[in-house]
Amino acid sequence: MGIIKKAGLTALIVLLSLLVLPSVYAAKTCIYEFQSLGCPHCAKVEAFLNDLESEYNLDVRYIDANKESKLFADLLGKYEVPMDEWGLVPTVFIGDYYCIGDSPCISNLEQKIIENEGAVCPDNKDGYNHNASVQPRRETIEFTFAGITGLALVDAVNPCALAVLVILLSTILLRDPEKKSKALHAGIAFTFAVYFCYFIMGALIVFGLKWVTSATSLSTLWLYKAFGVFAIIIGILNIKDYFKYGAGGFVMEVPMKWRPKMKEFISSVTSTRGAFLVGIIVSLFLLPCTSGPYFVAGGLLAGVQWMTALPWLAYYNLLFVAPMIIITLVVYGGLTAVGEISGWRERNIRRLHLFAGIILVALGIAMVAGLV
């Protein structure tokens, strides 16, 4: 009797194995979703696919449309996607089917999963193999530390910002040459005001760019590359001011006609509170000549979540105001005179433009080429 029970138990185990093992070892249905971080439409499709993974045997791979642009373009061609739809995200490939946009994908994907059960990964379809090592991942555009730092440094050495602070300190020290502490407090208040205003304006830039990508079909990928082109243009204009300062009737600084009014505002400073208020007003004068790098940085940060973007925005602006803090402390410590700083700026203004231009052009090329 014991032998019969053991034989029956063995048979039952074998039977269950035959039923279970095929489902365990069945080929997974491979799906590629090309997306951009910060794209709300991509997030909807990703959430939908996450739910389907609990019901079907899937191998879903979330791919950075920017970093895997070659694979993306190859698949768009392989699947004969119309050229006017190239670059749009989210784009999903499964078996012989593709869909673009959250509504079409969410409406049709479950049925296509059933029809394409066990489908190989799209880059292996019909023997095609661009990159069989593509791995599942959630992250997409990765702006780099070097990119954000480089843009901030370009802003930090901007001749406009340095000129404004020099005028402020000169005004205060000429009025009260013995009261350097007053210059210190005014310089810090002015710098904090500029930091505060620029942080708010940067957040508005990022918000605006996020809204553009969410309210339209514009891909974060193409927006990112567009800002790369913008960086190249701004960089070339800065380099222009190195070789021929003011060529074309303009310089990459505060417009000449605005400068008298700006100096008038700064000369009105009589207290720390006044320096803070003037810092807020002067920020509006500074923005036109510093907006190039800042908008490029906004384009980088628009592709990430707010909780990631805000600390980077704070870091960017800290670097931006760092020279203001250094100059204020140097003057307060008596290590140099304001006139010497002003003279240094005038002697090196072209070099500052060249430095800014080279960084912007290099970064722009890297953005367009997908290197950052």
Protein backbone atom coordinates (compact mmCIF):
# COMPACT_ATOMS: atom_id res chain seq x y z
CA MET A 1 0.00 0.00 0.00
CA GLY A 2 2.91 2.32 0.86
CA ILE A 3 4.46 1.60 -2.53
CA ILE A 4 1.21 2.51 -4.30
CA LYS A 5 0.96 5.79 -2.40
CA LYS A 6 4.55 6.67 -3.26
CA ALA A 7 4.01 5.82 -6.91
CA GLY A 8 0.84 7.92 -6.97
CA LEU A 9 2.63 10.86 -5.33
CA THR A 10 5.49 10.60 -7.85
CA ALA A 11 3.03 10.54 -10.74
CA LEU A 12 1.25 13.59 -9.35
CA ILE A 13 4.55 15.50 -9.07
CA VAL A 14 5.48 14.57 -12.64
CA LEU A 15 2.05 15.67 -13.89
CA LEU A 16 2.25 19.01 -12.11
CA SER A 17 5.75 19.52 -13.48
CA LEU A 18 4.50 18.92 -17.00
CA LEU A 19 1.79 21.53 -16.46
CA VAL A 20 3.92 24.13 -14.70
CA LEU A 21 7.31 23.93 -16.40
CA PRO A 22 6.12 24.98 -19.87
CA SER A 23 4.69 28.18 -18.42
CA VAL A 24 7.87 28.81 -16.42
CA TYR A 25 10.24 28.25 -19.30
CA ALA A 26 8.02 29.61 -22.09
CA ALA A 27 9.69 32.30 -24.12
CA LYS A 28 8.90 35.76 -22.84
CA THR A 29 7.27 38.29 -25.14
CA CYS A 30 9.82 41.05 -25.66
CA ILE A 31 8.65 44.67 -25.82
CA TYR A 32 10.63 47.86 -26.35
CA GLU A 33 9.31 51.20 -25.14
CA PHE A 34 11.38 54.18 -26.29
CA GLN A 35 10.82 57.05 -23.89
CA SER A 36 12.18 60.30 -22.51
CA LEU A 37 12.37 61.07 -18.82
CA GLY A 38 9.89 63.78 -17.87
CA CYS A 39 7.48 62.72 -20.66
CA PRO A 40 4.05 62.17 -19.00
CA HIS A 41 2.77 60.18 -21.99
CA CYS A 42 5.71 57.79 -21.63
CA ALA A 43 4.95 57.42 -17.91
CA LYS A 44 1.35 56.41 -18.67
CA VAL A 45 2.44 53.68 -21.10
CA GLU A 46 5.13 52.47 -18.67
CA ALA A 47 2.55 52.19 -15.86
CA PHE A 48 0.23 50.28 -18.19
CA LEU A 49 2.99 47.85 -19.18
CA ASN A 50 3.91 47.38 -15.52
CA ASP A 51 0.34 46.20 -14.87
CA LEU A 52 0.42 43.84 -17.86
CA GLU A 53 3.66 42.26 -16.61
CA SER A 54 1.69 40.75 -13.73
CA GLU A 55 -0.67 39.03 -16.17
CA TYR A 56 1.55 38.03 -19.07
CA ASN A 57 5.03 36.57 -19.51
CA LEU A 58 6.75 39.75 -20.67
CA ASP A 59 10.26 41.11 -21.07
CA VAL A 60 9.63 44.88 -21.19
CA ARG A 61 12.62 47.10 -21.88
CA TYR A 62 12.40 50.84 -21.28
CA ILE A 63 14.96 52.47 -23.54
CA ASP A 64 16.45 55.97 -23.58
CA ALA A 65 15.47 57.44 -26.95
CA ASN A 66 18.41 59.83 -26.71
CA LYS A 67 21.20 57.44 -25.78
CA GLU A 68 19.97 54.68 -28.12
CA SER A 69 19.15 57.03 -31.02
CA LYS A 70 20.86 54.71 -33.55
CA LEU A 71 18.78 51.72 -32.45
CA PHE A 72 15.64 53.90 -32.39
CA ALA A 73 16.23 55.15 -35.93
CA ASP A 74 17.02 51.62 -37.20
CA LEU A 75 13.79 50.22 -35.77
CA LEU A 76 11.73 53.13 -37.09
CA GLY A 77 13.08 52.31 -40.54
CA LYS A 78 12.67 48.54 -40.09
CA TYR A 79 9.03 48.97 -39.06
CA GLU A 80 8.45 51.47 -41.91
CA VAL A 81 7.28 54.24 -39.59
CA PRO A 82 6.37 57.42 -41.54
CA MET A 83 9.15 60.01 -41.37
CA ASP A 84 6.87 62.67 -39.85
CA GLU A 85 6.48 60.42 -36.78
CA TRP A 86 10.18 59.78 -36.24
CA GLY A 87 11.48 60.85 -32.84
CA LEU A 88 8.07 60.95 -31.14
CA VAL A 89 7.78 59.24 -27.76
CA PRO A 90 6.52 57.00 -26.39
CA THR A 91 7.08 54.55 -29.25
CA VAL A 92 6.49 50.86 -28.52
CA PHE A 93 7.64 47.91 -30.65
CA ILE A 94 6.37 44.34 -30.24
CA GLY A 95 6.55 41.57 -32.83
CA ASP A 96 5.39 43.07 -36.14
CA TYR A 97 3.49 45.91 -34.44
CA TYR A 98 4.39 49.39 -33.28
CA CYS A 99 2.41 52.20 -31.69
CA ILE A 100 3.16 55.85 -30.92
CA GLY A 101 1.53 57.86 -28.15
CA ASP A 102 -0.16 56.87 -24.90
CA SER A 103 -3.75 56.44 -26.15
CA PRO A 104 -3.00 54.21 -29.19
CA CYS A 105 -0.60 52.05 -27.17
CA ILE A 106 -2.85 51.63 -24.14
CA SER A 107 -5.84 50.80 -26.39
CA ASN A 108 -4.09 48.12 -28.47
CA LEU A 109 -1.11 46.68 -26.60
CA GLU A 110 -2.86 43.95 -24.61
CA GLN A 111 -4.39 42.45 -27.75
CA LYS A 112 -1.06 42.69 -29.56
CA ILE A 113 0.67 40.93 -26.66
CA ILE A 114 -1.77 38.03 -27.04
CA GLU A 115 -1.25 37.93 -30.81
CA ASN A 116 2.55 38.12 -30.52
CA GLU A 117 3.09 35.74 -27.61
CA GLY A 118 6.74 34.73 -27.36
CA ALA A 119 7.88 37.39 -29.87
CA VAL A 120 11.63 38.00 -29.88
CA CYS A 121 13.05 41.41 -29.09
CA PRO A 122 12.48 43.91 -31.93
CA ASP A 123 16.19 44.25 -32.65
CA ASN A 124 16.32 40.47 -33.28
CA LYS A 125 13.24 40.40 -35.50
CA ASP A 126 13.75 38.71 -38.90
CA GLY A 127 17.40 38.10 -38.13
CA TYR A 128 18.05 41.82 -37.66
CA ASN A 129 20.41 42.42 -34.76
CA HIS A 130 21.53 45.96 -34.01
CA ASN A 131 22.30 45.53 -30.32
CA ALA A 132 21.21 42.33 -28.66
CA SER A 133 22.68 43.50 -25.35
CA VAL A 134 20.12 46.28 -24.76
CA GLN A 135 19.01 45.89 -21.14
CA PRO A 136 15.78 46.92 -19.41
CA ARG A 137 16.13 50.30 -17.71
CA ARG A 138 13.99 53.12 -16.37
CA GLU A 139 16.39 56.06 -16.73
CA THR A 140 16.65 58.06 -19.95
CA ILE A 141 18.35 61.39 -20.57
CA GLU A 142 21.28 61.75 -18.20
CA PHE A 143 22.43 65.34 -18.05
CA THR A 144 25.96 65.28 -16.71
CA PHE A 145 27.66 66.97 -13.80
CA ALA A 146 30.13 68.41 -16.30
CA GLY A 147 27.31 69.82 -18.42
CA ILE A 148 25.52 71.66 -15.62
CA THR A 149 28.82 72.80 -14.08
CA GLY A 150 30.12 74.07 -17.41
CA LEU A 151 27.00 76.10 -18.10
CA ALA A 152 27.04 77.57 -14.59
CA LEU A 153 30.69 78.57 -14.95
CA VAL A 154 29.92 80.27 -18.26
CA ASP A 155 27.26 82.30 -16.45
CA ALA A 156 29.55 82.92 -13.47
CA VAL A 157 32.25 84.63 -15.54
CA ASN A 158 29.72 86.56 -17.59
CA PRO A 159 31.00 90.15 -17.94
CA CYS A 160 27.52 91.48 -17.12
CA ALA A 161 27.29 89.96 -13.65
CA LEU A 162 30.82 90.99 -12.70
CA ALA A 163 30.28 94.54 -13.95
CA VAL A 164 27.12 94.97 -11.89
CA LEU A 165 28.82 93.92 -8.66
CA VAL A 166 31.85 96.13 -9.32
CA ILE A 167 29.56 99.15 -9.83
CA LEU A 168 27.70 98.33 -6.60
CA LEU A 169 30.83 98.03 -4.46
CA SER A 170 32.40 101.10 -6.02
CA THR A 171 29.29 103.16 -5.26
CA ILE A 172 29.21 102.10 -1.62
CA LEU A 173 32.93 102.50 -0.96
CA LEU A 174 33.11 105.90 -2.63
CA ARG A 175 30.30 107.08 -0.39
CA ASP A 176 31.71 105.53 2.82
CA PRO A 177 35.34 104.49 2.16
CA GLU A 178 35.98 103.63 5.82
CA LYS A 179 32.90 101.45 6.25
CA LYS A 180 33.94 98.24 4.52
CA SER A 181 31.50 96.24 6.64
CA LYS A 182 28.71 98.15 4.94
CA ALA A 183 30.08 97.08 1.57
CA LEU A 184 30.27 93.49 2.84
CA HIS A 185 26.64 93.45 3.98
CA ALA A 186 25.45 95.15 0.82
CA GLY A 187 27.43 92.78 -1.40
CA ILE A 188 26.03 89.71 0.36
CA ALA A 189 22.48 91.09 0.27
CA PHE A 190 22.83 91.91 -3.43
CA THR A 191 24.24 88.46 -4.19
CA PHE A 192 21.48 86.69 -2.27
CA ALA A 193 18.84 88.72 -4.14
CA VAL A 194 20.35 87.72 -7.49
CA TYR A 195 20.51 84.08 -6.36
CA PHE A 196 16.89 84.12 -5.20
CA CYS A 197 15.58 85.75 -8.39
CA TYR A 198 17.58 83.53 -10.70
CA PHE A 199 16.46 80.39 -8.88
CA ILE A 200 12.80 81.42 -9.30
CA MET A 201 13.33 82.32 -12.96
CA GLY A 202 15.13 79.02 -13.54
CA ALA A 203 12.24 77.09 -12.01
CA LEU A 204 9.85 78.97 -14.31
CA ILE A 205 12.01 78.09 -17.34
CA VAL A 206 12.02 74.39 -16.39
CA PHE A 207 8.26 74.48 -15.71
CA GLY A 208 7.60 76.11 -19.09
CA LEU A 209 9.68 73.56 -20.97
CA LYS A 210 8.04 70.68 -19.11
CA TRP A 211 4.64 72.10 -20.02
CA VAL A 212 5.61 72.37 -23.69
CA THR A 213 6.62 68.70 -23.86
CA SER A 214 3.53 67.52 -21.96
CA ALA A 215 0.98 69.71 -23.77
CA THR A 216 2.29 68.98 -27.25
CA SER A 217 3.64 66.02 -29.16
CA LEU A 218 7.12 67.51 -29.02
CA SER A 219 9.62 64.90 -27.89
CA THR A 220 11.98 65.72 -25.04
CA LEU A 221 14.67 64.23 -27.27
CA TRP A 222 14.15 66.85 -29.99
CA LEU A 223 13.78 69.65 -27.44
CA TYR A 224 17.08 68.54 -25.92
CA LYS A 225 18.81 68.62 -29.32
CA ALA A 226 17.23 71.99 -30.14
CA PHE A 227 18.82 73.47 -27.03
CA GLY A 228 22.10 71.92 -28.11
CA VAL A 229 21.87 73.90 -31.36
CA PHE A 230 20.92 77.00 -29.34
CA ALA A 231 24.04 76.55 -27.17
CA ILE A 232 26.21 76.36 -30.29
CA ILE A 233 24.73 79.60 -31.64
CA ILE A 234 25.19 81.47 -28.35
CA GLY A 235 28.74 80.12 -28.12
CA ILE A 236 29.61 81.31 -31.63
CA LEU A 237 28.26 84.79 -30.83
CA ASN A 238 30.47 84.93 -27.72
CA ILE A 239 33.50 83.85 -29.73
CA LYS A 240 32.62 86.60 -32.20
CA ASP A 241 33.08 89.15 -29.41
CA TYR A 242 36.58 87.83 -28.79
CA PHE A 243 37.76 88.31 -32.37
CA LYS A 244 35.75 91.47 -33.09
CA TYR A 245 34.11 92.97 -30.03
CA GLY A 246 30.71 94.43 -30.87
CA ALA A 247 30.65 93.14 -34.46
CA GLY A 248 27.16 93.16 -35.90
CA GLY A 249 26.17 96.09 -33.72
CA PHE A 250 25.78 94.12 -30.48
CA VAL A 251 27.71 92.33 -27.77
CA MET A 252 26.68 89.36 -25.63
CA GLU A 253 26.20 91.61 -22.61
CA VAL A 254 23.63 94.00 -21.20
CA PRO A 255 22.51 96.24 -24.11
CA MET A 256 24.31 99.59 -24.11
CA LYS A 257 21.09 101.59 -23.92
CA TRP A 258 20.11 99.78 -20.70
CA ARG A 259 23.35 100.48 -18.87
CA PRO A 260 22.69 104.10 -17.77
CA LYS A 261 19.39 103.09 -16.16
CA MET A 262 21.07 100.09 -14.52
CA LYS A 263 23.83 102.28 -13.07
CA GLU A 264 21.18 104.69 -11.81
CA PHE A 265 19.47 101.86 -9.92
CA ILE A 266 22.73 100.65 -8.43
CA SER A 267 23.86 104.16 -7.43
CA SER A 268 20.70 104.55 -5.36
CA VAL A 269 21.87 101.93 -2.86
CA THR A 270 22.25 103.34 0.66
CA SER A 271 21.58 100.29 2.83
CA THR A 272 21.67 96.50 2.97
CA ARG A 273 17.93 96.39 2.32
CA GLY A 274 18.43 98.70 -0.65
CA ALA A 275 21.13 96.41 -2.03
CA PHE A 276 18.74 93.48 -1.82
CA LEU A 277 15.98 95.38 -3.65
CA VAL A 278 18.39 96.62 -6.31
CA GLY A 279 19.63 93.04 -6.72
CA ILE A 280 16.10 91.96 -7.59
CA ILE A 281 15.67 94.78 -10.11
CA VAL A 282 19.11 94.31 -11.66
CA SER A 283 18.37 90.60 -12.15
CA LEU A 284 15.91 91.64 -14.85
CA PHE A 285 18.70 93.57 -16.60
CA LEU A 286 21.07 90.62 -16.29
CA LEU A 287 18.71 87.96 -17.66
CA PRO A 288 18.90 88.98 -21.34
CA CYS A 289 22.70 88.63 -21.42
CA THR A 290 22.86 85.48 -19.26
CA SER A 291 19.75 83.73 -20.57
CA GLY A 292 21.64 81.68 -23.18
CA PRO A 293 23.40 79.24 -20.81
CA TYR A 294 20.45 79.34 -18.40
CA PHE A 295 17.93 78.28 -21.04
CA VAL A 296 20.25 75.48 -22.16
CA ALA A 297 20.50 74.31 -18.54
CA GLY A 298 16.70 74.54 -18.33
CA GLY A 299 16.49 72.31 -21.40
CA LEU A 300 18.66 69.72 -19.64
CA LEU A 301 16.67 69.89 -16.40
CA ALA A 302 13.28 69.78 -18.13
CA GLY A 303 13.92 66.11 -18.86
CA VAL A 304 14.13 65.05 -15.20
CA GLN A 305 11.72 64.95 -12.27
CA TRP A 306 11.21 68.08 -10.13
CA MET A 307 12.86 66.49 -7.08
CA THR A 308 15.98 65.99 -9.20
CA ALA A 309 15.81 69.29 -11.09
CA LEU A 310 15.51 71.62 -8.08
CA PRO A 311 18.77 70.59 -6.32
CA TRP A 312 20.64 70.91 -9.62
CA LEU A 313 19.07 74.34 -10.12
CA ALA A 314 20.24 75.36 -6.64
CA TYR A 315 23.77 74.09 -7.44
CA TYR A 316 23.83 75.93 -10.77
CA ASN A 317 22.92 79.25 -9.16
CA LEU A 318 25.41 78.78 -6.33
CA LEU A 319 28.18 78.56 -8.94
CA PHE A 320 26.67 81.52 -10.77
CA VAL A 321 26.94 83.85 -7.75
CA ALA A 322 30.24 82.42 -6.46
CA PRO A 323 32.39 85.13 -8.14
CA MET A 324 30.16 87.80 -6.58
CA ILE A 325 30.76 86.32 -3.13
CA ILE A 326 34.51 86.01 -3.75
CA ILE A 327 34.85 89.60 -5.01
CA THR A 328 32.86 90.92 -2.05
CA LEU A 329 35.06 89.07 0.44
CA VAL A 330 38.29 90.06 -1.31
CA VAL A 331 37.33 93.74 -1.28
CA TYR A 332 36.18 93.55 2.34
CA GLY A 333 39.44 91.87 3.35
CA GLY A 334 41.43 94.64 1.70
CA LEU A 335 43.27 92.20 -0.58
CA THR A 336 42.48 94.35 -3.60
CA ALA A 337 40.64 97.49 -4.58
CA VAL A 338 37.41 97.61 -6.55
CA GLY A 339 39.21 99.60 -9.24
CA GLU A 340 41.72 96.79 -9.74
CA ILE A 341 38.89 94.27 -10.21
CA SER A 342 37.19 96.60 -12.68
CA GLY A 343 40.46 97.04 -14.56
CA TRP A 344 41.02 93.27 -14.67
CA ARG A 345 37.52 92.81 -16.09
CA GLU A 346 38.07 95.40 -18.81
CA ARG A 347 41.44 93.89 -19.78
CA ASN A 348 40.05 90.36 -19.98
CA ILE A 349 36.54 90.93 -21.24
CA ARG A 350 37.30 89.40 -24.64
CA ARG A 351 38.93 86.37 -23.06
CA LEU A 352 35.86 85.89 -20.88
CA HIS A 353 33.71 85.83 -24.01
CA LEU A 354 36.08 83.33 -25.64
CA PHE A 355 36.02 81.06 -22.57
CA ALA A 356 32.22 81.14 -22.47
CA GLY A 357 31.95 80.58 -26.22
CA ILE A 358 34.22 77.53 -26.30
CA ILE A 359 32.37 75.82 -23.45
CA LEU A 360 28.96 76.51 -25.00
CA VAL A 361 29.95 75.27 -28.46
CA ALA A 362 31.56 72.11 -27.05
CA LEU A 363 28.55 71.37 -24.85
CA GLY A 364 26.12 72.08 -27.68
CA ILE A 365 27.90 69.69 -30.02
CA ALA A 366 27.90 67.02 -27.30
CA MET A 367 24.14 67.50 -26.75
CA VAL A 368 23.31 67.27 -30.47
CA ALA A 369 25.54 64.18 -30.86
CA GLY A 370 23.95 62.53 -27.81
CA LEU A 371 27.23 62.39 -25.90
CA VAL A 372 25.69 64.03 -22.79
